[in-house]
C-alpha atoms as a PDB file:
ATOM      1  CA  UNK A   1       1.280  33.213  47.690  1.00  0.00           C
ATOM      2  CA  UNK A   2       0.438  29.930  49.097  1.00  0.00           C
ATOM      3  CA  UNK A   3       2.517  26.868  48.847  1.00  0.00           C
ATOM      4  CA  UNK A   4       0.453  23.490  48.040  1.00  0.00           C
ATOM      5  CA  UNK A   5       1.205  22.367  51.738  1.00  0.00           C
ATOM      6  CA  UNK A   6      -0.215  25.317  53.073  1.00  0.00           C
ATOM      7  CA  UNK A   7      -3.327  25.199  50.729  1.00  0.00           C
ATOM      8  CA  UNK A   8      -3.661  21.440  51.908  1.00  0.00           C
ATOM      9  CA  UNK A   9      -3.775  22.690  55.627  1.00  0.00           C
ATOM     10  CA  UNK A  10      -6.541  25.318  54.905  1.00  0.00           C
ATOM     11  CA  UNK A  11      -8.654  22.702  53.138  1.00  0.00           C
ATOM     12  CA  UNK A  12      -8.407  20.015  55.701  1.00  0.00           C
ATOM     13  CA  UNK A  13     -11.624  19.476  57.328  1.00  0.00           C
ATOM     14  CA  UNK A  14     -13.244  22.185  55.275  1.00  0.00           C
ATOM     15  CA  UNK A  15     -14.966  20.278  52.415  1.00  0.00           C
ATOM     16  CA  UNK A  16     -16.874  23.312  51.482  1.00  0.00           C
ATOM     17  CA  UNK A  17     -13.786  25.529  50.923  1.00  0.00           C
ATOM     18  CA  UNK A  18     -12.773  26.096  47.320  1.00  0.00           C
ATOM     19  CA  UNK A  19      -9.372  27.708  46.299  1.00  0.00           C
ATOM     20  CA  UNK A  20      -9.701  30.445  43.700  1.00  0.00           C
ATOM     21  CA  UNK A  21      -6.413  31.047  41.721  1.00  0.00           C
ATOM     22  CA  UNK A  22      -6.373  34.451  40.232  1.00  0.00           C
ATOM     23  CA  UNK A  23      -3.913  33.674  37.320  1.00  0.00           C
ATOM     24  CA  UNK A  24      -2.247  36.432  35.123  1.00  0.00           C
ATOM     25  CA  UNK A  25       1.159  36.765  33.287  1.00  0.00           C
ATOM     26  CA  UNK A  26       4.220  38.400  34.649  1.00  0.00           C
ATOM     27  CA  UNK A  27       3.916  41.294  32.505  1.00  0.00           C
ATOM     28  CA  UNK A  28       0.261  41.968  33.358  1.00  0.00           C
ATOM     29  CA  UNK A  29       0.971  41.861  37.093  1.00  0.00           C
ATOM     30  CA  UNK A  30       4.085  43.815  36.897  1.00  0.00           C
ATOM     31  CA  UNK A  31       2.173  46.605  34.880  1.00  0.00           C
ATOM     32  CA  UNK A  32      -0.367  46.681  37.625  1.00  0.00           C
ATOM     33  CA  UNK A  33       2.025  46.775  40.520  1.00  0.00           C
ATOM     34  CA  UNK A  34       4.099  49.837  39.066  1.00  0.00           C
ATOM     35  CA  UNK A  35       0.896  51.641  38.716  1.00  0.00           C
ATOM     36  CA  UNK A  36      -0.090  51.382  42.369  1.00  0.00           C
ATOM     37  CA  UNK A  37       1.092  53.803  45.174  1.00  0.00           C
ATOM     38  CA  UNK A  38       2.248  53.074  48.642  1.00  0.00           C
ATOM     39  CA  UNK A  39       1.761  49.207  48.520  1.00  0.00           C
ATOM     40  CA  UNK A  40       3.743  47.082  50.887  1.00  0.00           C
ATOM     41  CA  UNK A  41       4.963  44.785  48.002  1.00  0.00           C
ATOM     42  CA  UNK A  42       7.290  46.384  45.828  1.00  0.00           C
ATOM     43  CA  UNK A  43       7.346  45.496  42.155  1.00  0.00           C
ATOM     44  CA  UNK A  44      10.883  44.073  42.480  1.00  0.00           C
ATOM     45  CA  UNK A  45       9.482  41.259  44.721  1.00  0.00           C
ATOM     46  CA  UNK A  46       7.448  40.032  41.932  1.00  0.00           C
ATOM     47  CA  UNK A  47      10.083  37.793  40.186  1.00  0.00           C
ATOM     48  CA  UNK A  48      10.816  35.753  43.201  1.00  0.00           C
ATOM     49  CA  UNK A  49       7.071  35.115  43.743  1.00  0.00           C
ATOM     50  CA  UNK A  50       6.740  33.956  40.243  1.00  0.00           C
ATOM     51  CA  UNK A  51       9.704  31.557  40.837  1.00  0.00           C
ATOM     52  CA  UNK A  52       8.121  30.383  44.108  1.00  0.00           C
ATOM     53  CA  UNK A  53       4.808  29.853  42.637  1.00  0.00           C
ATOM     54  CA  UNK A  54       3.195  26.351  42.991  1.00  0.00           C
ATOM     55  CA  UNK A  55       0.150  26.685  40.805  1.00  0.00           C
ATOM     56  CA  UNK A  56      -2.919  24.768  42.497  1.00  0.00           C
ATOM     57  CA  UNK A  57      -3.934  21.825  40.628  1.00  0.00           C
ATOM     58  CA  UNK A  58      -7.583  21.472  42.161  1.00  0.00           C
ATOM     59  CA  UNK A  59      -8.516  25.230  42.029  1.00  0.00           C
ATOM     60  CA  UNK A  60     -10.946  27.486  40.300  1.00  0.00           C
ATOM     61  CA  UNK A  61      -8.524  29.099  37.823  1.00  0.00           C
ATOM     62  CA  UNK A  62      -9.610  32.672  36.890  1.00  0.00           C
ATOM     63  CA  UNK A  63      -7.961  34.879  34.323  1.00  0.00           C
ATOM     64  CA  UNK A  64      -7.338  38.336  35.746  1.00  0.00           C
ATOM     65  CA  UNK A  65      -6.763  40.007  32.422  1.00  0.00           C
ATOM     66  CA  UNK A  66     -10.369  40.964  32.646  1.00  0.00           C
ATOM     67  CA  UNK A  67     -12.049  43.631  34.566  1.00  0.00           C
ATOM     68  CA  UNK A  68     -12.821  43.084  38.251  1.00  0.00           C
ATOM     69  CA  UNK A  69     -16.616  42.838  37.655  1.00  0.00           C
ATOM     70  CA  UNK A  70     -16.058  40.127  35.068  1.00  0.00           C
ATOM     71  CA  UNK A  71     -13.687  37.964  37.398  1.00  0.00           C
ATOM     72  CA  UNK A  72     -16.424  38.241  40.120  1.00  0.00           C
ATOM     73  CA  UNK A  73     -18.876  37.206  37.576  1.00  0.00           C
ATOM     74  CA  UNK A  74     -16.943  34.217  36.556  1.00  0.00           C
ATOM     75  CA  UNK A  75     -16.287  33.185  40.184  1.00  0.00           C
ATOM     76  CA  UNK A  76     -19.982  33.288  41.008  1.00  0.00           C
ATOM     77  CA  UNK A  77     -20.877  31.570  37.766  1.00  0.00           C
ATOM     78  CA  UNK A  78     -18.565  28.757  38.271  1.00  0.00           C
ATOM     79  CA  UNK A  79     -19.322  28.201  41.996  1.00  0.00           C
ATOM     80  CA  UNK A  80     -22.839  27.062  41.158  1.00  0.00           C
END
C-alpha cells in the first residue's frame, strides 16, 4: 500500500501515469485473504494496512466487490 508521498514520487515527471485505487471493505478483503493459500501477506496484517491507508485523492477508484472482468472493463472504460 503506497503512502501519498510515495505516489507523488511515482507521478513526478510522469504525466501519463494514472493511479488506480482498488477499493474494498475490510470484510471483503479479509474474506478473500483467508481463502488464499501460501501467500506472503497473512490475514492478521490486514488491520494495520487499513489503519495506515492514505486513500488517494486523485485516483481512478474502482470497487473490488465485482468480478475481475468487470474491474478490468471499468478501468478500460474510464481510461478513455
